[in-house]
């Protein structure tokens, strides 16, 4: 390719397109030069990054991240895997779990919940929409929000400590699971860096973690 390093913006942050044939040591020099020339565009920015064009080892990724740190003030908050096959497998697993949940113990609610609205369910529930500040969901089972969770949720309302809360964008005012309560972090995630997260109860504490295939397989429905 004529330009061995191309920087593009996307909804997550930036995509770095790399020449697939160039020797990596030479490519590192090109990466340093590219980011040095572009440093004024990244002043103290916080972004996610992904790589295209060639397969990188973990060590090569670390080398590139070190170069970026040396040449710019850009803070890379995470590296996003750009692997469509992994995304397809993960989406299929998630869809299967959600369908199992709805068919056996849950129900769907389609629409956004506005401030003042309360949604109560005797079973697990999947909300297809956003839960806005001032809205509240109470469920005796699990709560899954296929949208932004910015309100208050109470899962396991009858004391089920195995209940969980999942949201595509997790920034609730308050989460309660059984008898344990947690509040949202002081600094919500930036709009471009939101990711699917799950809240679960373990050893008397509520933990909120990014959703992975491994975590998904461990979910008790």
C-alpha atoms as a PDB file:
ATOM      1  CA  UNK A   1       0.000   0.000   0.000  1.00  0.00           C
ATOM      2  CA  UNK A   2       1.193   3.522  -0.773  1.00  0.00           C
ATOM      3  CA  UNK A   3       0.633   4.699   2.779  1.00  0.00           C
ATOM      4  CA  UNK A   4       1.717   1.992   5.252  1.00  0.00           C
ATOM      5  CA  UNK A   5      -0.076   3.646   8.186  1.00  0.00           C
ATOM      6  CA  UNK A   6      -3.552   5.181   7.963  1.00  0.00           C
ATOM      7  CA  UNK A   7      -5.463   6.633  10.923  1.00  0.00           C
ATOM      8  CA  UNK A   8      -9.270   6.699  10.669  1.00  0.00           C
ATOM      9  CA  UNK A   9     -11.937   7.725  13.147  1.00  0.00           C
ATOM     10  CA  UNK A  10     -14.890   5.528  14.058  1.00  0.00           C
ATOM     11  CA  UNK A  11     -17.632   5.491  16.714  1.00  0.00           C
ATOM     12  CA  UNK A  12     -15.271   3.972  19.285  1.00  0.00           C
ATOM     13  CA  UNK A  13     -12.245   6.188  18.726  1.00  0.00           C
ATOM     14  CA  UNK A  14      -9.615   5.534  16.065  1.00  0.00           C
ATOM     15  CA  UNK A  15      -8.748   2.720  13.682  1.00  0.00           C
ATOM     16  CA  UNK A  16      -5.122   2.281  12.645  1.00  0.00           C
ATOM     17  CA  UNK A  17      -4.803   0.555   9.266  1.00  0.00           C
ATOM     18  CA  UNK A  18      -1.385  -1.084   8.858  1.00  0.00           C
ATOM     19  CA  UNK A  19       0.470  -2.437   5.845  1.00  0.00           C
ATOM     20  CA  UNK A  20       0.348  -6.232   5.855  1.00  0.00           C
ATOM     21  CA  UNK A  21       3.661  -6.818   4.036  1.00  0.00           C
ATOM     22  CA  UNK A  22       6.128  -4.358   5.558  1.00  0.00           C
ATOM     23  CA  UNK A  23       8.632  -5.666   8.113  1.00  0.00           C
ATOM     24  CA  UNK A  24       7.395  -4.812  11.582  1.00  0.00           C
ATOM     25  CA  UNK A  25      10.555  -2.961  12.641  1.00  0.00           C
ATOM     26  CA  UNK A  26      10.257  -0.686   9.614  1.00  0.00           C
ATOM     27  CA  UNK A  27       6.532  -0.347  10.189  1.00  0.00           C
ATOM     28  CA  UNK A  28       7.157   0.872  13.747  1.00  0.00           C
ATOM     29  CA  UNK A  29       9.174   3.769  12.350  1.00  0.00           C
ATOM     30  CA  UNK A  30       6.299   4.643  10.020  1.00  0.00           C
ATOM     31  CA  UNK A  31       3.821   4.454  12.916  1.00  0.00           C
ATOM     32  CA  UNK A  32       5.991   6.790  15.016  1.00  0.00           C
ATOM     33  CA  UNK A  33       6.258   9.237  12.128  1.00  0.00           C
ATOM     34  CA  UNK A  34       2.504   9.150  11.454  1.00  0.00           C
ATOM     35  CA  UNK A  35       1.495   9.767  15.054  1.00  0.00           C
ATOM     36  CA  UNK A  36       4.210  12.399  15.504  1.00  0.00           C
ATOM     37  CA  UNK A  37       2.806  14.318  12.538  1.00  0.00           C
ATOM     38  CA  UNK A  38      -0.749  13.889  13.869  1.00  0.00           C
ATOM     39  CA  UNK A  39       0.003  14.595  17.534  1.00  0.00           C
ATOM     40  CA  UNK A  40      -1.780  17.961  17.537  1.00  0.00           C
ATOM     41  CA  UNK A  41      -5.086  16.140  16.861  1.00  0.00           C
ATOM     42  CA  UNK A  42      -4.745  13.988  19.996  1.00  0.00           C
ATOM     43  CA  UNK A  43      -3.997  16.519  22.711  1.00  0.00           C
ATOM     44  CA  UNK A  44      -4.944  14.780  26.006  1.00  0.00           C
ATOM     45  CA  UNK A  45      -7.671  12.823  24.202  1.00  0.00           C
ATOM     46  CA  UNK A  46      -9.016   9.570  25.643  1.00  0.00           C
ATOM     47  CA  UNK A  47      -9.931   7.058  22.964  1.00  0.00           C
ATOM     48  CA  UNK A  48     -10.325   3.395  22.184  1.00  0.00           C
ATOM     49  CA  UNK A  49      -8.194   1.999  19.375  1.00  0.00           C
ATOM     50  CA  UNK A  50      -8.424  -0.913  16.964  1.00  0.00           C
ATOM     51  CA  UNK A  51      -6.057  -2.227  14.318  1.00  0.00           C
ATOM     52  CA  UNK A  52      -6.774  -3.348  10.763  1.00  0.00           C
ATOM     53  CA  UNK A  53      -4.728  -4.590   7.840  1.00  0.00           C
ATOM     54  CA  UNK A  54      -2.516  -7.155   9.559  1.00  0.00           C
ATOM     55  CA  UNK A  55      -2.643  -9.603  12.419  1.00  0.00           C
ATOM     56  CA  UNK A  56      -0.718  -8.338  15.447  1.00  0.00           C
ATOM     57  CA  UNK A  57       0.639 -10.306  18.365  1.00  0.00           C
ATOM     58  CA  UNK A  58       0.068  -9.014  21.887  1.00  0.00           C
ATOM     59  CA  UNK A  59       3.717  -7.927  22.005  1.00  0.00           C
ATOM     60  CA  UNK A  60       3.402  -6.020  18.722  1.00  0.00           C
ATOM     61  CA  UNK A  61       0.280  -4.285  20.021  1.00  0.00           C
ATOM     62  CA  UNK A  62       2.162  -3.254  23.161  1.00  0.00           C
ATOM     63  CA  UNK A  63       5.020  -1.898  21.037  1.00  0.00           C
ATOM     64  CA  UNK A  64       2.607   0.219  19.016  1.00  0.00           C
ATOM     65  CA  UNK A  65       0.841   1.514  22.130  1.00  0.00           C
ATOM     66  CA  UNK A  66       4.218   2.500  23.583  1.00  0.00           C
ATOM     67  CA  UNK A  67       5.053   4.379  20.383  1.00  0.00           C
ATOM     68  CA  UNK A  68       1.735   6.239  20.535  1.00  0.00           C
ATOM     69  CA  UNK A  69       2.376   7.163  24.177  1.00  0.00           C
ATOM     70  CA  UNK A  70       5.836   8.473  23.310  1.00  0.00           C
ATOM     71  CA  UNK A  71       4.780  10.511  20.278  1.00  0.00           C
ATOM     72  CA  UNK A  72       1.412  11.935  21.439  1.00  0.00           C
ATOM     73  CA  UNK A  73      -0.627  12.904  24.497  1.00  0.00           C
ATOM     74  CA  UNK A  74      -3.312  10.439  23.417  1.00  0.00           C
ATOM     75  CA  UNK A  75      -4.519   8.152  26.219  1.00  0.00           C
ATOM     76  CA  UNK A  76      -5.602   4.790  24.824  1.00  0.00           C
ATOM     77  CA  UNK A  77      -8.255   3.500  27.207  1.00  0.00           C
ATOM     78  CA  UNK A  78      -8.743   0.129  25.509  1.00  0.00           C
ATOM     79  CA  UNK A  79      -7.976  -1.905  22.393  1.00  0.00           C
ATOM     80  CA  UNK A  80     -11.041  -3.168  20.546  1.00  0.00           C
ATOM     81  CA  UNK A  81     -10.749  -6.503  18.775  1.00  0.00           C
ATOM     82  CA  UNK A  82     -11.633  -6.074  15.122  1.00  0.00           C
ATOM     83  CA  UNK A  83     -12.612  -9.681  14.450  1.00  0.00           C
ATOM     84  CA  UNK A  84     -16.002 -10.145  12.736  1.00  0.00           C
ATOM     85  CA  UNK A  85     -15.937 -13.910  13.357  1.00  0.00           C
ATOM     86  CA  UNK A  86     -15.585 -13.419  17.110  1.00  0.00           C
ATOM     87  CA  UNK A  87     -18.397 -10.874  17.032  1.00  0.00           C
ATOM     88  CA  UNK A  88     -20.658 -13.321  15.180  1.00  0.00           C
ATOM     89  CA  UNK A  89     -19.969 -16.135  17.666  1.00  0.00           C
ATOM     90  CA  UNK A  90     -20.529 -13.846  20.637  1.00  0.00           C
ATOM     91  CA  UNK A  91     -23.731 -12.360  19.208  1.00  0.00           C
ATOM     92  CA  UNK A  92     -25.086 -15.860  18.497  1.00  0.00           C
ATOM     93  CA  UNK A  93     -24.346 -16.983  22.065  1.00  0.00           C
ATOM     94  CA  UNK A  94     -25.956 -13.858  23.502  1.00  0.00           C
ATOM     95  CA  UNK A  95     -29.037 -14.193  21.283  1.00  0.00           C
ATOM     96  CA  UNK A  96     -29.447 -17.823  22.334  1.00  0.00           C
ATOM     97  CA  UNK A  97     -29.250 -16.950  26.029  1.00  0.00           C
ATOM     98  CA  UNK A  98     -31.733 -14.105  25.658  1.00  0.00           C
ATOM     99  CA  UNK A  99     -34.151 -16.309  23.753  1.00  0.00           C
ATOM    100  CA  UNK A 100     -33.841 -19.040  26.383  1.00  0.00           C
ATOM    101  CA  UNK A 101     -34.541 -16.472  29.067  1.00  0.00           C
ATOM    102  CA  UNK A 102     -37.654 -15.140  27.355  1.00  0.00           C
ATOM    103  CA  UNK A 103     -39.036 -18.603  26.585  1.00  0.00           C
ATOM    104  CA  UNK A 104     -38.589 -20.059  30.042  1.00  0.00           C
ATOM    105  CA  UNK A 105     -38.677 -17.489  32.800  1.00  0.00           C
ATOM    106  CA  UNK A 106     -38.890 -14.024  31.284  1.00  0.00           C
ATOM    107  CA  UNK A 107     -40.886 -11.497  29.344  1.00  0.00           C
ATOM    108  CA  UNK A 108     -40.199  -8.620  26.957  1.00  0.00           C
ATOM    109  CA  UNK A 109     -40.988  -4.938  27.294  1.00  0.00           C
ATOM    110  CA  UNK A 110     -40.466  -2.834  24.169  1.00  0.00           C
ATOM    111  CA  UNK A 111     -40.047   0.915  24.547  1.00  0.00           C
ATOM    112  CA  UNK A 112     -38.181   3.526  26.547  1.00  0.00           C
ATOM    113  CA  UNK A 113     -38.971   4.032  30.219  1.00  0.00           C
ATOM    114  CA  UNK A 114     -39.291   7.714  31.090  1.00  0.00           C
ATOM    115  CA  UNK A 115     -38.838   9.447  34.428  1.00  0.00           C
ATOM    116  CA  UNK A 116     -41.575   8.429  36.856  1.00  0.00           C
ATOM    117  CA  UNK A 117     -42.397   5.146  35.127  1.00  0.00           C
ATOM    118  CA  UNK A 118     -42.151   1.918  37.145  1.00  0.00           C
ATOM    119  CA  UNK A 119     -41.985  -1.516  35.520  1.00  0.00           C
ATOM    120  CA  UNK A 120     -42.549  -4.530  37.766  1.00  0.00           C
ATOM    121  CA  UNK A 121     -42.229  -8.180  36.768  1.00  0.00           C
ATOM    122  CA  UNK A 122     -42.865 -11.488  38.500  1.00  0.00           C
ATOM    123  CA  UNK A 123     -40.204 -13.032  36.256  1.00  0.00           C
ATOM    124  CA  UNK A 124     -36.987 -11.980  34.526  1.00  0.00           C
ATOM    125  CA  UNK A 125     -37.477  -9.194  32.028  1.00  0.00           C
ATOM    126  CA  UNK A 126     -35.818  -7.932  28.845  1.00  0.00           C
ATOM    127  CA  UNK A 127     -36.331  -4.241  28.101  1.00  0.00           C
ATOM    128  CA  UNK A 128     -35.821  -3.335  24.451  1.00  0.00           C
ATOM    129  CA  UNK A 129     -35.120   0.342  24.876  1.00  0.00           C
ATOM    130  CA  UNK A 130     -33.588   2.834  27.319  1.00  0.00           C
ATOM    131  CA  UNK A 131     -34.275   3.188  31.033  1.00  0.00           C
ATOM    132  CA  UNK A 132     -33.988   6.915  31.644  1.00  0.00           C
ATOM    133  CA  UNK A 133     -33.140   8.712  34.913  1.00  0.00           C
ATOM    134  CA  UNK A 134     -36.126   8.626  37.262  1.00  0.00           C
ATOM    135  CA  UNK A 135     -37.472   5.359  35.812  1.00  0.00           C
ATOM    136  CA  UNK A 136     -37.442   2.159  37.876  1.00  0.00           C
ATOM    137  CA  UNK A 137     -37.549  -1.575  37.177  1.00  0.00           C
ATOM    138  CA  UNK A 138     -38.331  -4.193  39.819  1.00  0.00           C
ATOM    139  CA  UNK A 139     -38.000  -7.876  38.950  1.00  0.00           C
ATOM    140  CA  UNK A 140     -38.054 -11.081  40.959  1.00  0.00           C
ATOM    141  CA  UNK A 141     -35.574 -12.468  38.424  1.00  0.00           C
ATOM    142  CA  UNK A 142     -32.980 -10.957  36.091  1.00  0.00           C
ATOM    143  CA  UNK A 143     -33.084  -7.604  34.300  1.00  0.00           C
ATOM    144  CA  UNK A 144     -31.661  -7.163  30.788  1.00  0.00           C
ATOM    145  CA  UNK A 145     -31.708  -3.743  29.163  1.00  0.00           C
ATOM    146  CA  UNK A 146     -31.036  -3.700  25.417  1.00  0.00           C
ATOM    147  CA  UNK A 147     -30.260   0.000  25.540  1.00  0.00           C
ATOM    148  CA  UNK A 148     -28.944   2.551  28.051  1.00  0.00           C
ATOM    149  CA  UNK A 149     -29.604   1.924  31.730  1.00  0.00           C
ATOM    150  CA  UNK A 150     -29.662   5.294  33.506  1.00  0.00           C
ATOM    151  CA  UNK A 151     -32.454   4.731  36.022  1.00  0.00           C
ATOM    152  CA  UNK A 152     -32.877   2.468  39.059  1.00  0.00           C
ATOM    153  CA  UNK A 153     -33.121  -1.337  38.916  1.00  0.00           C
ATOM    154  CA  UNK A 154     -33.943  -3.954  41.545  1.00  0.00           C
ATOM    155  CA  UNK A 155     -33.294  -7.562  40.502  1.00  0.00           C
ATOM    156  CA  UNK A 156     -33.951 -10.600  42.672  1.00  0.00           C
ATOM    157  CA  UNK A 157     -36.672  -8.677  44.503  1.00  0.00           C
ATOM    158  CA  UNK A 158     -37.697 -11.705  46.563  1.00  0.00           C
ATOM    159  CA  UNK A 159     -34.129 -12.352  47.710  1.00  0.00           C
ATOM    160  CA  UNK A 160     -32.695 -14.307  44.757  1.00  0.00           C
ATOM    161  CA  UNK A 161     -28.952 -13.672  45.085  1.00  0.00           C
ATOM    162  CA  UNK A 162     -28.252 -15.364  41.722  1.00  0.00           C
ATOM    163  CA  UNK A 163     -30.076 -12.634  39.818  1.00  0.00           C
ATOM    164  CA  UNK A 164     -28.140 -10.279  37.561  1.00  0.00           C
ATOM    165  CA  UNK A 165     -28.529  -7.002  35.667  1.00  0.00           C
ATOM    166  CA  UNK A 166     -27.206  -6.624  32.114  1.00  0.00           C
ATOM    167  CA  UNK A 167     -27.209  -3.492  29.956  1.00  0.00           C
ATOM    168  CA  UNK A 168     -25.716  -2.447  26.637  1.00  0.00           C
ATOM    169  CA  UNK A 169     -24.750   0.854  28.295  1.00  0.00           C
ATOM    170  CA  UNK A 170     -24.517   0.627  32.087  1.00  0.00           C
ATOM    171  CA  UNK A 171     -24.836   3.881  34.011  1.00  0.00           C
ATOM    172  CA  UNK A 172     -27.653   3.404  36.550  1.00  0.00           C
ATOM    173  CA  UNK A 173     -28.522   5.710  39.412  1.00  0.00           C
ATOM    174  CA  UNK A 174     -28.765   2.627  41.604  1.00  0.00           C
ATOM    175  CA  UNK A 175     -28.587  -1.149  41.277  1.00  0.00           C
ATOM    176  CA  UNK A 176     -30.063  -3.474  43.872  1.00  0.00           C
ATOM    177  CA  UNK A 177     -29.738  -7.254  43.788  1.00  0.00           C
ATOM    178  CA  UNK A 178     -31.599  -9.057  46.577  1.00  0.00           C
ATOM    179  CA  UNK A 179     -30.639  -7.106  49.722  1.00  0.00           C
ATOM    180  CA  UNK A 180     -27.457  -5.497  48.364  1.00  0.00           C
ATOM    181  CA  UNK A 181     -27.357  -1.997  46.891  1.00  0.00           C
ATOM    182  CA  UNK A 182     -24.744  -0.312  44.686  1.00  0.00           C
ATOM    183  CA  UNK A 183     -24.689   3.155  43.169  1.00  0.00           C
ATOM    184  CA  UNK A 184     -23.327   4.280  39.830  1.00  0.00           C
ATOM    185  CA  UNK A 185     -19.705   5.498  39.498  1.00  0.00           C
ATOM    186  CA  UNK A 186     -19.034   9.226  39.861  1.00  0.00           C
ATOM    187  CA  UNK A 187     -17.662   9.436  36.308  1.00  0.00           C
ATOM    188  CA  UNK A 188     -19.945   7.778  33.731  1.00  0.00           C
ATOM    189  CA  UNK A 189     -18.452   6.195  30.613  1.00  0.00           C
ATOM    190  CA  UNK A 190     -17.925   8.482  27.634  1.00  0.00           C
ATOM    191  CA  UNK A 191     -20.609   8.042  24.980  1.00  0.00           C
ATOM    192  CA  UNK A 192     -18.182   6.602  22.446  1.00  0.00           C
ATOM    193  CA  UNK A 193     -16.741   4.023  24.832  1.00  0.00           C
ATOM    194  CA  UNK A 194     -19.850   2.370  26.206  1.00  0.00           C
ATOM    195  CA  UNK A 195     -19.821  -1.401  26.388  1.00  0.00           C
ATOM    196  CA  UNK A 196     -22.156  -4.155  27.481  1.00  0.00           C
ATOM    197  CA  UNK A 197     -21.754  -4.850  31.196  1.00  0.00           C
ATOM    198  CA  UNK A 198     -23.240  -7.208  33.733  1.00  0.00           C
ATOM    199  CA  UNK A 199     -23.850  -6.620  37.431  1.00  0.00           C
ATOM    200  CA  UNK A 200     -23.927  -9.634  39.722  1.00  0.00           C
ATOM    201  CA  UNK A 201     -23.771 -10.428  43.421  1.00  0.00           C
ATOM    202  CA  UNK A 202     -20.771 -12.238  44.885  1.00  0.00           C
ATOM    203  CA  UNK A 203     -19.662 -12.510  48.522  1.00  0.00           C
ATOM    204  CA  UNK A 204     -22.126  -9.840  49.575  1.00  0.00           C
ATOM    205  CA  UNK A 205     -20.920  -7.265  47.015  1.00  0.00           C
ATOM    206  CA  UNK A 206     -22.246  -6.160  43.644  1.00  0.00           C
ATOM    207  CA  UNK A 207     -19.658  -6.313  40.865  1.00  0.00           C
ATOM    208  CA  UNK A 208     -20.072  -4.672  37.457  1.00  0.00           C
ATOM    209  CA  UNK A 209     -17.879  -6.147  34.717  1.00  0.00           C
ATOM    210  CA  UNK A 210     -17.701  -6.069  30.906  1.00  0.00           C
ATOM    211  CA  UNK A 211     -19.692  -8.935  29.445  1.00  0.00           C
ATOM    212  CA  UNK A 212     -17.594 -11.678  27.861  1.00  0.00           C
ATOM    213  CA  UNK A 213     -18.453 -15.060  26.396  1.00  0.00           C
ATOM    214  CA  UNK A 214     -16.938 -16.704  29.475  1.00  0.00           C
ATOM    215  CA  UNK A 215     -19.117 -14.648  31.827  1.00  0.00           C
ATOM    216  CA  UNK A 216     -22.144 -15.316  29.632  1.00  0.00           C
ATOM    217  CA  UNK A 217     -21.610 -19.072  29.907  1.00  0.00           C
ATOM    218  CA  UNK A 218     -21.511 -18.804  33.702  1.00  0.00           C
ATOM    219  CA  UNK A 219     -24.843 -16.985  33.977  1.00  0.00           C
ATOM    220  CA  UNK A 220     -27.434 -18.856  35.997  1.00  0.00           C
ATOM    221  CA  UNK A 221     -30.862 -18.397  34.449  1.00  0.00           C
END
